[in-house]
Amino acid sequence: MANVVMREKVVIVGGGVAGLTTALLLRRANELRVTGGSGSLTLFSNAWIALEALGVAHKLTSVYKPFKRGQVTNVSTGVTQEVLLTTDEGYLQLVPRSVNRRALLEALLEELPADTIRYSSRLRSIEKTETRNDADSFGVIIHLEDGTTIHTKGVMVVRSVVAKWLRHKAPVYSGRYAVRGLGVFPEGHGLKHEVQQFVAEEVIQHAYMPSSSWGPPQFTKPWDLLFGNDAMHPMTPDLGQGGCSALEDAVVLGRHMGNSYIRNGGTLSQEDLEVEIGMYVKERRFRTAGLITGSYISGWIQQGDSGAGIISSLRVVGWLTKFLRDSVFYRFSFCGLVGLTSSGN
């Protein structure tokens, strides 16, 4: 394929949840490109607040039912702990929903101009060049595997390839493994529409292996955080905040980028962007560190009946789940998003 050279103000590498959300928030910038592309995921109240700010929540809430309660069951003893997922406090009425990841991406894609997305474009390398601090300066060159070269002023960090380029520390092993499986019920499963969690290794024995996968959950140490998306701050899945946090990242980053864009009359100033990105990182660091820590502790505490032998009481597991949800997750679920939603910006 012949080499193609392009010039864009901003390039977002990665067409997943965070990449498309960031693109949508920056859609007023005429020169914007997203490169790359992307089961299901559960979105909690903070994610729905972000989607409301984007104006796309209604596309999904009309299709996917909310979860009103959940159950944690010890398979060995049969003891069950019930966890309520609803509350009457304002925005927290936006209870969790499991959505198809593709449906979420399509809802975001529909809001973007047709020429914004560049499909099947794998990133090969990134290089930084000497640049002048003016409106015509392009300081980053992106090379794609199809031979395309893109000169840009800035790259939004939403892929691990970019993280490696930035010398971001690799995630660490959490000390345990996670198994994902798919149950097929042609005649319907007859289960209630609730979140159900089973604490025991024996669950694996009943999994349908052709549709199952397993791997070690990884996470970033809270003091090694950098920028946005799960590639930058991977966390264990115990609080279900990977995709939710990515949406938060994109909304908050978009707010800071938008401030710079408006202040400079519709142009991107490198010096001003550096200030706004610094403010974004400062704003997100504490929030993300709390989610990473809470997720890790939640998973650690659940290992009691699976061989760790540290805490085996299901009552303690239920108490900790409630504590993390109410004191760590719900307490900070707004995270700069409510003002954005209520103001309509």
C-alpha atoms as a PDB file:
ATOM      1  CA  MET A   1       0.000   0.000   0.000  1.00  0.00           C
ATOM      2  CA  ALA A   2       1.287   3.450  -0.878  1.00  0.00           C
ATOM      3  CA  ASN A   3       2.403   5.631   1.976  1.00  0.00           C
ATOM      4  CA  VAL A   4      -0.083   8.289   3.043  1.00  0.00           C
ATOM      5  CA  VAL A   5       0.912  11.347   5.050  1.00  0.00           C
ATOM      6  CA  MET A   6      -1.760  13.106   7.100  1.00  0.00           C
ATOM      7  CA  ARG A   7      -1.802  16.093   9.441  1.00  0.00           C
ATOM      8  CA  GLU A   8      -4.234  16.163  12.362  1.00  0.00           C
ATOM      9  CA  LYS A   9      -4.460  18.314  15.463  1.00  0.00           C
ATOM     10  CA  VAL A  10      -5.271  15.437  17.821  1.00  0.00           C
ATOM     11  CA  VAL A  11      -5.056  11.675  17.321  1.00  0.00           C
ATOM     12  CA  ILE A  12      -6.657   9.238  19.765  1.00  0.00           C
ATOM     13  CA  VAL A  13      -5.024   5.811  19.589  1.00  0.00           C
ATOM     14  CA  GLY A  14      -7.587   3.165  20.494  1.00  0.00           C
ATOM     15  CA  GLY A  15     -11.208   2.853  19.449  1.00  0.00           C
ATOM     16  CA  GLY A  16     -12.531   1.393  22.685  1.00  0.00           C
ATOM     17  CA  VAL A  17     -14.771   2.932  25.340  1.00  0.00           C
ATOM     18  CA  ALA A  18     -12.327   5.622  26.460  1.00  0.00           C
ATOM     19  CA  GLY A  19     -11.120   6.415  22.946  1.00  0.00           C
ATOM     20  CA  LEU A  20     -14.580   6.955  21.468  1.00  0.00           C
ATOM     21  CA  THR A  21     -15.795   8.858  24.531  1.00  0.00           C
ATOM     22  CA  THR A  22     -12.836  11.215  24.348  1.00  0.00           C
ATOM     23  CA  ALA A  23     -13.427  11.673  20.615  1.00  0.00           C
ATOM     24  CA  LEU A  24     -17.071  12.498  21.231  1.00  0.00           C
ATOM     25  CA  LEU A  25     -16.156  15.111  23.819  1.00  0.00           C
ATOM     26  CA  LEU A  26     -13.720  16.701  21.374  1.00  0.00           C
ATOM     27  CA  ARG A  27     -15.983  16.406  18.319  1.00  0.00           C
ATOM     28  CA  ARG A  28     -16.170  20.174  17.867  1.00  0.00           C
ATOM     29  CA  ALA A  29     -12.547  20.078  16.793  1.00  0.00           C
ATOM     30  CA  ASN A  30     -12.767  19.568  13.035  1.00  0.00           C
ATOM     31  CA  GLU A  31      -9.451  17.765  12.785  1.00  0.00           C
ATOM     32  CA  LEU A  32      -9.735  14.689  14.969  1.00  0.00           C
ATOM     33  CA  ARG A  33      -8.945  11.056  14.266  1.00  0.00           C
ATOM     34  CA  VAL A  34      -9.350   7.862  16.263  1.00  0.00           C
ATOM     35  CA  THR A  35      -7.247   4.880  15.205  1.00  0.00           C
ATOM     36  CA  GLY A  36      -7.862   1.263  16.208  1.00  0.00           C
ATOM     37  CA  GLY A  37     -10.964  -0.673  17.192  1.00  0.00           C
ATOM     38  CA  SER A  38     -12.312  -2.916  19.869  1.00  0.00           C
ATOM     39  CA  GLY A  39     -18.618  -9.418  25.485  1.00  0.00           C
ATOM     40  CA  SER A  40     -20.350  -7.298  27.823  1.00  0.00           C
ATOM     41  CA  LEU A  41     -19.610  -5.042  30.759  1.00  0.00           C
ATOM     42  CA  THR A  42     -21.511  -3.751  33.774  1.00  0.00           C
ATOM     43  CA  LEU A  43     -21.863   0.012  34.069  1.00  0.00           C
ATOM     44  CA  PHE A  44     -22.467   1.531  37.502  1.00  0.00           C
ATOM     45  CA  SER A  45     -23.913   4.917  38.439  1.00  0.00           C
ATOM     46  CA  ASN A  46     -20.726   6.863  37.706  1.00  0.00           C
ATOM     47  CA  ALA A  47     -20.624   5.481  34.158  1.00  0.00           C
ATOM     48  CA  TRP A  48     -24.274   6.396  33.553  1.00  0.00           C
ATOM     49  CA  ILE A  49     -23.641   9.941  34.782  1.00  0.00           C
ATOM     50  CA  ALA A  50     -20.821  10.176  32.235  1.00  0.00           C
ATOM     51  CA  LEU A  51     -23.049   8.801  29.479  1.00  0.00           C
ATOM     52  CA  GLU A  52     -25.776  11.285  30.398  1.00  0.00           C
ATOM     53  CA  ALA A  53     -23.228  14.068  30.041  1.00  0.00           C
ATOM     54  CA  LEU A  54     -22.488  12.717  26.564  1.00  0.00           C
ATOM     55  CA  GLY A  55     -26.179  12.547  25.681  1.00  0.00           C
ATOM     56  CA  VAL A  56     -26.152   8.833  24.827  1.00  0.00           C
ATOM     57  CA  ALA A  57     -27.406   7.176  28.039  1.00  0.00           C
ATOM     58  CA  HIS A  58     -30.997   7.001  26.750  1.00  0.00           C
ATOM     59  CA  LYS A  59     -29.930   4.774  23.865  1.00  0.00           C
ATOM     60  CA  LEU A  60     -28.900   2.072  26.329  1.00  0.00           C
ATOM     61  CA  THR A  61     -31.210   2.487  29.331  1.00  0.00           C
ATOM     62  CA  SER A  62     -34.205   1.812  27.086  1.00  0.00           C
ATOM     63  CA  VAL A  63     -32.752  -1.577  26.134  1.00  0.00           C
ATOM     64  CA  TYR A  64     -30.951  -2.911  29.208  1.00  0.00           C
ATOM     65  CA  LYS A  65     -32.733  -3.529  32.516  1.00  0.00           C
ATOM     66  CA  PRO A  66     -31.171  -2.247  35.759  1.00  0.00           C
ATOM     67  CA  PHE A  67     -30.006  -4.540  38.548  1.00  0.00           C
ATOM     68  CA  LYS A  68     -31.778  -3.759  41.828  1.00  0.00           C
ATOM     69  CA  ARG A  69     -29.992  -6.244  44.064  1.00  0.00           C
ATOM     70  CA  GLY A  70     -27.164  -8.736  44.070  1.00  0.00           C
ATOM     71  CA  GLN A  71     -26.265 -11.952  45.851  1.00  0.00           C
ATOM     72  CA  VAL A  72     -22.939 -13.353  47.020  1.00  0.00           C
ATOM     73  CA  THR A  73     -23.204 -17.118  47.555  1.00  0.00           C
ATOM     74  CA  ASN A  74     -20.727 -19.451  49.235  1.00  0.00           C
ATOM     75  CA  VAL A  75     -21.147 -22.575  47.096  1.00  0.00           C
ATOM     76  CA  SER A  76     -19.562 -24.801  49.754  1.00  0.00           C
ATOM     77  CA  THR A  77     -21.982 -23.859  52.549  1.00  0.00           C
ATOM     78  CA  GLY A  78     -24.945 -22.490  50.603  1.00  0.00           C
ATOM     79  CA  VAL A  79     -24.955 -19.299  52.684  1.00  0.00           C
ATOM     80  CA  THR A  80     -26.086 -16.235  50.717  1.00  0.00           C
ATOM     81  CA  GLN A  81     -25.512 -12.549  51.429  1.00  0.00           C
ATOM     82  CA  GLU A  82     -27.859 -10.100  49.704  1.00  0.00           C
ATOM     83  CA  VAL A  83     -26.637  -6.679  48.602  1.00  0.00           C
ATOM     84  CA  LEU A  84     -29.102  -3.939  47.634  1.00  0.00           C
ATOM     85  CA  LEU A  85     -27.990  -1.859  44.646  1.00  0.00           C
ATOM     86  CA  THR A  86     -30.628   0.868  44.789  1.00  0.00           C
ATOM     87  CA  THR A  87     -30.838   4.063  46.802  1.00  0.00           C
ATOM     88  CA  ASP A  88     -33.046   7.138  46.882  1.00  0.00           C
ATOM     89  CA  GLU A  89     -30.150   9.596  46.903  1.00  0.00           C
ATOM     90  CA  GLY A  90     -30.174  11.624  43.711  1.00  0.00           C
ATOM     91  CA  TYR A  91     -28.024  10.363  40.876  1.00  0.00           C
ATOM     92  CA  LEU A  92     -27.420   7.059  42.606  1.00  0.00           C
ATOM     93  CA  GLN A  93     -30.824   5.990  41.316  1.00  0.00           C
ATOM     94  CA  LEU A  94     -28.868   5.204  38.144  1.00  0.00           C
ATOM     95  CA  VAL A  95     -28.355   1.601  39.225  1.00  0.00           C
ATOM     96  CA  PRO A  96     -26.034  -0.883  37.480  1.00  0.00           C
ATOM     97  CA  ARG A  97     -26.851  -2.352  34.087  1.00  0.00           C
ATOM     98  CA  SER A  98     -24.982  -4.935  32.070  1.00  0.00           C
ATOM     99  CA  VAL A  99     -24.648  -3.817  28.471  1.00  0.00           C
ATOM    100  CA  ASN A 100     -23.206  -5.281  25.323  1.00  0.00           C
ATOM    101  CA  ARG A 101     -19.836  -3.646  24.722  1.00  0.00           C
ATOM    102  CA  ARG A 102     -20.473  -3.381  21.000  1.00  0.00           C
ATOM    103  CA  ALA A 103     -23.802  -1.636  21.651  1.00  0.00           C
ATOM    104  CA  LEU A 104     -22.013   0.914  23.834  1.00  0.00           C
ATOM    105  CA  LEU A 105     -19.377   1.560  21.183  1.00  0.00           C
ATOM    106  CA  GLU A 106     -22.036   1.897  18.480  1.00  0.00           C
ATOM    107  CA  ALA A 107     -23.972   4.398  20.612  1.00  0.00           C
ATOM    108  CA  LEU A 108     -20.826   6.522  20.835  1.00  0.00           C
ATOM    109  CA  LEU A 109     -19.965   6.053  17.155  1.00  0.00           C
ATOM    110  CA  GLU A 110     -23.366   7.341  16.046  1.00  0.00           C
ATOM    111  CA  GLU A 111     -22.546  10.736  17.559  1.00  0.00           C
ATOM    112  CA  LEU A 112     -19.279  11.161  15.652  1.00  0.00           C
ATOM    113  CA  PRO A 113     -18.740  12.397  12.078  1.00  0.00           C
ATOM    114  CA  ALA A 114     -18.270   9.549   9.606  1.00  0.00           C
ATOM    115  CA  ASP A 115     -14.655  10.442   8.769  1.00  0.00           C
ATOM    116  CA  THR A 116     -13.537  10.607  12.411  1.00  0.00           C
ATOM    117  CA  ILE A 117     -12.822   6.894  12.808  1.00  0.00           C
ATOM    118  CA  ARG A 118     -10.057   5.084  10.976  1.00  0.00           C
ATOM    119  CA  TYR A 119     -10.827   1.351  11.099  1.00  0.00           C
ATOM    120  CA  SER A 120      -8.343  -1.552  11.188  1.00  0.00           C
ATOM    121  CA  SER A 121      -5.415   0.790  11.755  1.00  0.00           C
ATOM    122  CA  ARG A 122      -2.833  -0.848  13.980  1.00  0.00           C
ATOM    123  CA  LEU A 123      -0.247   1.377  15.588  1.00  0.00           C
ATOM    124  CA  ARG A 124       3.346   0.536  14.699  1.00  0.00           C
ATOM    125  CA  SER A 125       5.343   3.257  16.411  1.00  0.00           C
ATOM    126  CA  ILE A 126       5.344   6.810  17.750  1.00  0.00           C
ATOM    127  CA  GLU A 127       8.164   9.302  17.551  1.00  0.00           C
ATOM    128  CA  LYS A 128       8.585  12.752  18.977  1.00  0.00           C
ATOM    129  CA  THR A 129      10.171  15.517  16.920  1.00  0.00           C
ATOM    130  CA  GLU A 130      11.639  18.880  17.711  1.00  0.00           C
ATOM    131  CA  THR A 131       8.786  21.356  17.548  1.00  0.00           C
ATOM    132  CA  ARG A 132       8.130  25.053  17.731  1.00  0.00           C
ATOM    133  CA  ASN A 133       5.526  26.249  20.184  1.00  0.00           C
ATOM    134  CA  ASP A 134       3.177  27.754  17.617  1.00  0.00           C
ATOM    135  CA  ALA A 135      -0.097  26.977  15.878  1.00  0.00           C
ATOM    136  CA  ASP A 136       1.605  25.287  12.886  1.00  0.00           C
ATOM    137  CA  SER A 137       3.846  23.014  14.914  1.00  0.00           C
ATOM    138  CA  PHE A 138       3.339  19.210  14.806  1.00  0.00           C
ATOM    139  CA  GLY A 139       5.519  17.527  17.446  1.00  0.00           C
ATOM    140  CA  VAL A 140       4.453  13.857  17.239  1.00  0.00           C
ATOM    141  CA  ILE A 141       4.606  11.441  14.309  1.00  0.00           C
ATOM    142  CA  ILE A 142       2.465   8.288  14.355  1.00  0.00           C
ATOM    143  CA  HIS A 143       3.290   5.368  12.053  1.00  0.00           C
ATOM    144  CA  LEU A 144       0.552   2.835  11.253  1.00  0.00           C
ATOM    145  CA  GLU A 145       1.105  -0.683   9.937  1.00  0.00           C
ATOM    146  CA  ASP A 146      -0.683   0.136   6.659  1.00  0.00           C
ATOM    147  CA  GLY A 147       2.020   2.671   5.814  1.00  0.00           C
ATOM    148  CA  THR A 148       0.092   5.762   6.894  1.00  0.00           C
ATOM    149  CA  THR A 149       2.037   8.478   8.676  1.00  0.00           C
ATOM    150  CA  ILE A 150       0.159  11.013  10.792  1.00  0.00           C
ATOM    151  CA  HIS A 151       1.730  14.246  12.002  1.00  0.00           C
ATOM    152  CA  THR A 152      -0.110  15.504  15.067  1.00  0.00           C
ATOM    153  CA  LYS A 153       0.175  17.927  17.945  1.00  0.00           C
ATOM    154  CA  GLY A 154      -0.920  15.449  20.587  1.00  0.00           C
ATOM    155  CA  VAL A 155      -1.787  11.826  21.209  1.00  0.00           C
ATOM    156  CA  MET A 156      -4.515  10.786  23.638  1.00  0.00           C
ATOM    157  CA  VAL A 157      -3.215   7.911  25.746  1.00  0.00           C
ATOM    158  CA  VAL A 158      -5.703   5.037  25.602  1.00  0.00           C
ATOM    159  CA  ARG A 159      -3.584   2.097  24.464  1.00  0.00           C
ATOM    160  CA  SER A 160      -0.830   0.042  26.076  1.00  0.00           C
ATOM    161  CA  VAL A 161       1.452   0.671  23.070  1.00  0.00           C
ATOM    162  CA  VAL A 162       1.389   4.343  23.927  1.00  0.00           C
ATOM    163  CA  ALA A 163       1.938   3.536  27.586  1.00  0.00           C
ATOM    164  CA  LYS A 164       5.108   1.671  26.632  1.00  0.00           C
ATOM    165  CA  TRP A 165       6.249   4.649  24.566  1.00  0.00           C
ATOM    166  CA  LEU A 166       5.752   6.825  27.645  1.00  0.00           C
ATOM    167  CA  ARG A 167       7.758   4.293  29.704  1.00  0.00           C
ATOM    168  CA  HIS A 168       4.809   3.642  31.972  1.00  0.00           C
ATOM    169  CA  LYS A 169       5.451   0.788  34.418  1.00  0.00           C
ATOM    170  CA  ALA A 170       3.837  -2.532  33.528  1.00  0.00           C
ATOM    171  CA  PRO A 171       0.915  -3.783  35.667  1.00  0.00           C
ATOM    172  CA  VAL A 172       1.710  -6.294  38.407  1.00  0.00           C
ATOM    173  CA  TYR A 173       0.219  -9.725  39.144  1.00  0.00           C
ATOM    174  CA  SER A 174      -2.557  -9.656  41.752  1.00  0.00           C
ATOM    175  CA  GLY A 175      -1.765 -13.097  43.166  1.00  0.00           C
ATOM    176  CA  ARG A 176      -4.860 -14.874  41.866  1.00  0.00           C
ATOM    177  CA  TYR A 177      -6.658 -15.868  38.669  1.00  0.00           C
ATOM    178  CA  ALA A 178     -10.029 -14.944  37.181  1.00  0.00           C
ATOM    179  CA  VAL A 179     -12.187 -17.228  35.044  1.00  0.00           C
ATOM    180  CA  ARG A 180     -14.752 -16.015  32.541  1.00  0.00           C
ATOM    181  CA  GLY A 181     -17.397 -18.346  31.195  1.00  0.00           C
ATOM    182  CA  LEU A 182     -20.593 -18.368  29.181  1.00  0.00           C
ATOM    183  CA  GLY A 183     -23.643 -20.399  30.171  1.00  0.00           C
ATOM    184  CA  VAL A 184     -25.991 -21.399  27.346  1.00  0.00           C
ATOM    185  CA  PHE A 185     -29.692 -21.869  28.227  1.00  0.00           C
ATOM    186  CA  PRO A 186     -31.697 -22.440  24.992  1.00  0.00           C
ATOM    187  CA  GLU A 187     -34.977 -22.672  26.923  1.00  0.00           C
ATOM    188  CA  GLY A 188     -34.207 -19.738  29.242  1.00  0.00           C
ATOM    189  CA  HIS A 189     -32.407 -19.830  32.573  1.00  0.00           C
ATOM    190  CA  GLY A 190     -35.315 -18.816  34.827  1.00  0.00           C
ATOM    191  CA  LEU A 191     -33.028 -16.757  37.047  1.00  0.00           C
ATOM    192  CA  LYS A 192     -33.965 -13.430  38.555  1.00  0.00           C
ATOM    193  CA  HIS A 193     -32.498 -10.282  37.016  1.00  0.00           C
ATOM    194  CA  GLU A 194     -29.889  -9.905  39.744  1.00  0.00           C
ATOM    195  CA  VAL A 195     -26.128  -9.815  40.040  1.00  0.00           C
ATOM    196  CA  GLN A 196     -25.011 -13.202  41.338  1.00  0.00           C
ATOM    197  CA  GLN A 197     -21.535 -13.980  42.628  1.00  0.00           C
ATOM    198  CA  PHE A 198     -20.373 -17.407  43.784  1.00  0.00           C
ATOM    199  CA  VAL A 199     -17.414 -17.695  46.155  1.00  0.00           C
ATOM    200  CA  ALA A 200     -15.736 -21.073  45.581  1.00  0.00           C
ATOM    201  CA  GLU A 201     -13.237 -22.761  43.314  1.00  0.00           C
ATOM    202  CA  GLU A 202     -15.808 -25.483  42.541  1.00  0.00           C
ATOM    203  CA  VAL A 203     -17.622 -23.119  40.161  1.00  0.00           C
ATOM    204  CA  ILE A 204     -14.854 -23.695  37.620  1.00  0.00           C
ATOM    205  CA  GLN A 205     -15.639 -27.422  37.512  1.00  0.00           C
ATOM    206  CA  HIS A 206     -19.074 -26.696  36.059  1.00  0.00           C
ATOM    207  CA  ALA A 207     -17.946 -24.171  33.451  1.00  0.00           C
ATOM    208  CA  TYR A 208     -18.417 -24.818  29.726  1.00  0.00           C
ATOM    209  CA  MET A 209     -14.769 -24.786  28.717  1.00  0.00           C
ATOM    210  CA  PRO A 210     -15.073 -23.923  24.974  1.00  0.00           C
ATOM    211  CA  SER A 211     -16.589 -20.572  25.951  1.00  0.00           C
ATOM    212  CA  SER A 212     -14.383 -19.979  28.986  1.00  0.00           C
ATOM    213  CA  SER A 213     -11.154 -18.084  29.392  1.00  0.00           C
ATOM    214  CA  TRP A 214      -8.900 -17.485  32.346  1.00  0.00           C
ATOM    215  CA  GLY A 215      -6.009 -15.286  33.276  1.00  0.00           C
ATOM    216  CA  PRO A 216      -4.339 -13.430  36.132  1.00  0.00           C
ATOM    217  CA  PRO A 217      -5.996 -10.090  37.008  1.00  0.00           C
ATOM    218  CA  GLN A 218      -3.393  -7.340  36.950  1.00  0.00           C
ATOM    219  CA  PHE A 219      -3.364  -3.887  38.442  1.00  0.00           C
ATOM    220  CA  THR A 220      -1.258  -0.757  38.591  1.00  0.00           C
ATOM    221  CA  LYS A 221       0.215   0.208  41.926  1.00  0.00           C
ATOM    222  CA  PRO A 222      -1.626   3.354  43.110  1.00  0.00           C
ATOM    223  CA  TRP A 223       1.618   5.347  43.150  1.00  0.00           C
ATOM    224  CA  ASP A 224       2.400   4.447  39.502  1.00  0.00           C
ATOM    225  CA  LEU A 225      -0.726   5.961  37.924  1.00  0.00           C
ATOM    226  CA  LEU A 226      -0.575   7.739  34.587  1.00  0.00           C
ATOM    227  CA  PHE A 227      -3.167   9.443  32.412  1.00  0.00           C
ATOM    228  CA  GLY A 228      -6.314   7.612  31.316  1.00  0.00           C
ATOM    229  CA  ASN A 229      -8.072   4.343  30.501  1.00  0.00           C
ATOM    230  CA  ASP A 230      -7.523   0.787  31.665  1.00  0.00           C
ATOM    231  CA  ALA A 231      -4.215   0.596  29.771  1.00  0.00           C
ATOM    232  CA  MET A 232      -2.913   3.295  32.089  1.00  0.00           C
ATOM    233  CA  HIS A 233      -4.458   2.186  35.376  1.00  0.00           C
ATOM    234  CA  PRO A 234      -5.543  -1.467  35.106  1.00  0.00           C
ATOM    235  CA  MET A 235      -7.393  -2.728  38.166  1.00  0.00           C
ATOM    236  CA  THR A 236      -8.773  -6.066  39.286  1.00  0.00           C
ATOM    237  CA  PRO A 237     -12.426  -6.643  38.291  1.00  0.00           C
ATOM    238  CA  ASP A 238     -13.855  -6.947  41.819  1.00  0.00           C
ATOM    239  CA  LEU A 239     -15.623  -3.562  41.848  1.00  0.00           C
ATOM    240  CA  GLY A 240     -16.495  -3.686  38.149  1.00  0.00           C
ATOM    241  CA  GLN A 241     -14.949  -0.273  37.550  1.00  0.00           C
ATOM    242  CA  GLY A 242     -12.665  -0.789  34.539  1.00  0.00           C
ATOM    243  CA  GLY A 243     -15.043   0.488  31.855  1.00  0.00           C
ATOM    244  CA  CYS A 244     -16.743   2.911  34.255  1.00  0.00           C
ATOM    245  CA  SER A 245     -13.436   4.513  35.151  1.00  0.00           C
ATOM    246  CA  ALA A 246     -12.545   4.783  31.452  1.00  0.00           C
ATOM    247  CA  LEU A 247     -15.743   6.770  30.864  1.00  0.00           C
ATOM    248  CA  GLU A 248     -14.908   9.012  33.819  1.00  0.00           C
ATOM    249  CA  ASP A 249     -11.403   9.563  32.453  1.00  0.00           C
ATOM    250  CA  ALA A 250     -12.699  10.596  29.054  1.00  0.00           C
ATOM    251  CA  VAL A 251     -15.309  13.015  30.405  1.00  0.00           C
ATOM    252  CA  VAL A 252     -12.907  14.735  32.788  1.00  0.00           C
ATOM    253  CA  LEU A 253     -10.141  14.855  30.160  1.00  0.00           C
ATOM    254  CA  GLY A 254     -12.599  16.222  27.607  1.00  0.00           C
ATOM    255  CA  ARG A 255     -13.620  18.957  30.034  1.00  0.00           C
ATOM    256  CA  HIS A 256     -10.026  20.052  30.508  1.00  0.00           C
ATOM    257  CA  MET A 257      -9.220  19.818  26.794  1.00  0.00           C
ATOM    258  CA  GLY A 258     -12.395  21.725  25.967  1.00  0.00           C
ATOM    259  CA  ASN A 259     -11.429  24.513  28.352  1.00  0.00           C
ATOM    260  CA  SER A 260      -8.137  24.930  26.500  1.00  0.00           C
ATOM    261  CA  TYR A 261      -9.854  24.771  23.114  1.00  0.00           C
ATOM    262  CA  ILE A 262     -12.376  27.474  24.036  1.00  0.00           C
ATOM    263  CA  ARG A 263      -9.839  29.764  25.693  1.00  0.00           C
ATOM    264  CA  ASN A 264      -7.673  29.745  22.583  1.00  0.00           C
ATOM    265  CA  GLY A 265     -10.449  30.536  20.130  1.00  0.00           C
ATOM    266  CA  GLY A 266     -10.862  27.069  18.675  1.00  0.00           C
ATOM    267  CA  THR A 267      -7.176  26.162  18.481  1.00  0.00           C
ATOM    268  CA  LEU A 268      -4.976  23.905  20.575  1.00  0.00           C
ATOM    269  CA  SER A 269      -2.098  25.589  22.372  1.00  0.00           C
ATOM    270  CA  GLN A 270       0.638  23.154  23.402  1.00  0.00           C
ATOM    271  CA  GLU A 271       1.587  25.194  26.454  1.00  0.00           C
ATOM    272  CA  ASP A 272      -2.012  25.537  27.619  1.00  0.00           C
ATOM    273  CA  LEU A 273      -2.712  21.861  26.949  1.00  0.00           C
ATOM    274  CA  GLU A 274       0.195  20.855  29.163  1.00  0.00           C
ATOM    275  CA  VAL A 275      -1.333  22.855  32.004  1.00  0.00           C
ATOM    276  CA  GLU A 276      -4.800  21.359  31.499  1.00  0.00           C
ATOM    277  CA  ILE A 277      -3.479  17.808  31.252  1.00  0.00           C
ATOM    278  CA  GLY A 278      -1.505  18.360  34.449  1.00  0.00           C
ATOM    279  CA  MET A 279      -4.716  19.482  36.156  1.00  0.00           C
ATOM    280  CA  TYR A 280      -6.532  16.443  34.774  1.00  0.00           C
ATOM    281  CA  VAL A 281      -3.887  14.052  36.127  1.00  0.00           C
ATOM    282  CA  LYS A 282      -4.012  15.727  39.535  1.00  0.00           C
ATOM    283  CA  GLU A 283      -7.811  15.506  39.604  1.00  0.00           C
ATOM    284  CA  ARG A 284      -7.932  11.831  38.614  1.00  0.00           C
ATOM    285  CA  ARG A 285      -5.018  10.424  40.618  1.00  0.00           C
ATOM    286  CA  PHE A 286      -6.731  10.180  44.018  1.00  0.00           C
ATOM    287  CA  ARG A 287      -9.973   8.848  42.555  1.00  0.00           C
ATOM    288  CA  THR A 288      -8.262   6.134  40.536  1.00  0.00           C
ATOM    289  CA  ALA A 289      -5.937   5.152  43.386  1.00  0.00           C
ATOM    290  CA  GLY A 290      -9.006   4.613  45.572  1.00  0.00           C
ATOM    291  CA  LEU A 291     -10.658   2.386  42.969  1.00  0.00           C
ATOM    292  CA  ILE A 292      -7.523   0.302  42.448  1.00  0.00           C
ATOM    293  CA  THR A 293      -7.051  -0.157  46.192  1.00  0.00           C
ATOM    294  CA  GLY A 294     -10.728  -0.899  46.820  1.00  0.00           C
ATOM    295  CA  SER A 295     -10.849  -3.458  43.998  1.00  0.00           C
ATOM    296  CA  TYR A 296      -7.729  -5.213  45.229  1.00  0.00           C
ATOM    297  CA  ILE A 297      -8.942  -5.385  48.849  1.00  0.00           C
ATOM    298  CA  SER A 298     -12.362  -6.616  47.750  1.00  0.00           C
ATOM    299  CA  GLY A 299     -10.778  -9.471  45.798  1.00  0.00           C
ATOM    300  CA  TRP A 300      -8.307 -10.273  48.554  1.00  0.00           C
ATOM    301  CA  ILE A 301     -11.047 -10.596  51.148  1.00  0.00           C
ATOM    302  CA  GLN A 302     -13.004 -13.014  48.952  1.00  0.00           C
ATOM    303  CA  GLN A 303     -10.146 -15.501  48.828  1.00  0.00           C
ATOM    304  CA  GLY A 304     -11.003 -16.746  52.307  1.00  0.00           C
ATOM    305  CA  ASP A 305     -12.897 -19.853  51.140  1.00  0.00           C
ATOM    306  CA  SER A 306     -10.675 -20.398  48.110  1.00  0.00           C
ATOM    307  CA  GLY A 307      -7.481 -21.355  49.898  1.00  0.00           C
ATOM    308  CA  ALA A 308      -6.181 -18.092  51.322  1.00  0.00           C
ATOM    309  CA  GLY A 309      -7.764 -18.823  54.702  1.00  0.00           C
ATOM    310  CA  ILE A 310      -7.562 -15.204  55.814  1.00  0.00           C
ATOM    311  CA  ILE A 311     -11.222 -14.339  56.218  1.00  0.00           C
ATOM    312  CA  SER A 312     -13.858 -16.981  55.554  1.00  0.00           C
ATOM    313  CA  SER A 313     -16.956 -15.363  56.981  1.00  0.00           C
ATOM    314  CA  LEU A 314     -19.476 -14.519  54.278  1.00  0.00           C
ATOM    315  CA  ARG A 315     -20.890 -11.920  56.637  1.00  0.00           C
ATOM    316  CA  VAL A 316     -17.527 -10.160  56.609  1.00  0.00           C
ATOM    317  CA  VAL A 317     -17.456 -10.355  52.813  1.00  0.00           C
ATOM    318  CA  GLY A 318     -20.909  -8.793  52.664  1.00  0.00           C
ATOM    319  CA  TRP A 319     -19.944  -6.086  55.146  1.00  0.00           C
ATOM    320  CA  LEU A 320     -16.790  -5.242  53.212  1.00  0.00           C
ATOM    321  CA  THR A 321     -18.695  -5.133  49.932  1.00  0.00           C
ATOM    322  CA  LYS A 322     -21.156  -2.660  51.441  1.00  0.00           C
ATOM    323  CA  PHE A 323     -18.331  -0.593  52.958  1.00  0.00           C
ATOM    324  CA  LEU A 324     -16.395  -0.367  49.698  1.00  0.00           C
ATOM    325  CA  ARG A 325     -19.553   0.433  47.753  1.00  0.00           C
ATOM    326  CA  ASP A 326     -20.852   3.122  50.121  1.00  0.00           C
ATOM    327  CA  SER A 327     -17.612   4.615  51.473  1.00  0.00           C
ATOM    328  CA  VAL A 328     -15.233   4.232  48.540  1.00  0.00           C
ATOM    329  CA  PHE A 329     -17.285   3.869  45.371  1.00  0.00           C
ATOM    330  CA  TYR A 330     -20.562   5.766  45.885  1.00  0.00           C
ATOM    331  CA  ARG A 331     -18.964   8.495  47.947  1.00  0.00           C
ATOM    332  CA  PHE A 332     -16.782   9.562  45.063  1.00  0.00           C
ATOM    333  CA  SER A 333     -18.904   8.368  42.152  1.00  0.00           C
ATOM    334  CA  PHE A 334     -19.651  11.890  40.927  1.00  0.00           C
ATOM    335  CA  CYS A 335     -15.992  12.830  40.551  1.00  0.00           C
ATOM    336  CA  GLY A 336     -16.477  16.097  38.698  1.00  0.00           C
ATOM    337  CA  LEU A 337     -19.182  14.658  36.456  1.00  0.00           C
ATOM    338  CA  VAL A 338     -22.343  15.962  38.125  1.00  0.00           C
ATOM    339  CA  GLY A 339     -21.525  19.596  37.466  1.00  0.00           C
ATOM    340  CA  LEU A 340     -20.859  18.763  33.834  1.00  0.00           C
ATOM    341  CA  THR A 341     -24.175  16.959  33.523  1.00  0.00           C
ATOM    342  CA  SER A 342     -26.311  19.536  35.280  1.00  0.00           C
ATOM    343  CA  SER A 343     -24.789  22.449  33.398  1.00  0.00           C
ATOM    344  CA  GLY A 344     -25.492  20.809  30.066  1.00  0.00           C
ATOM    345  CA  ASN A 345     -21.950  21.416  28.810  1.00  0.00           C
END
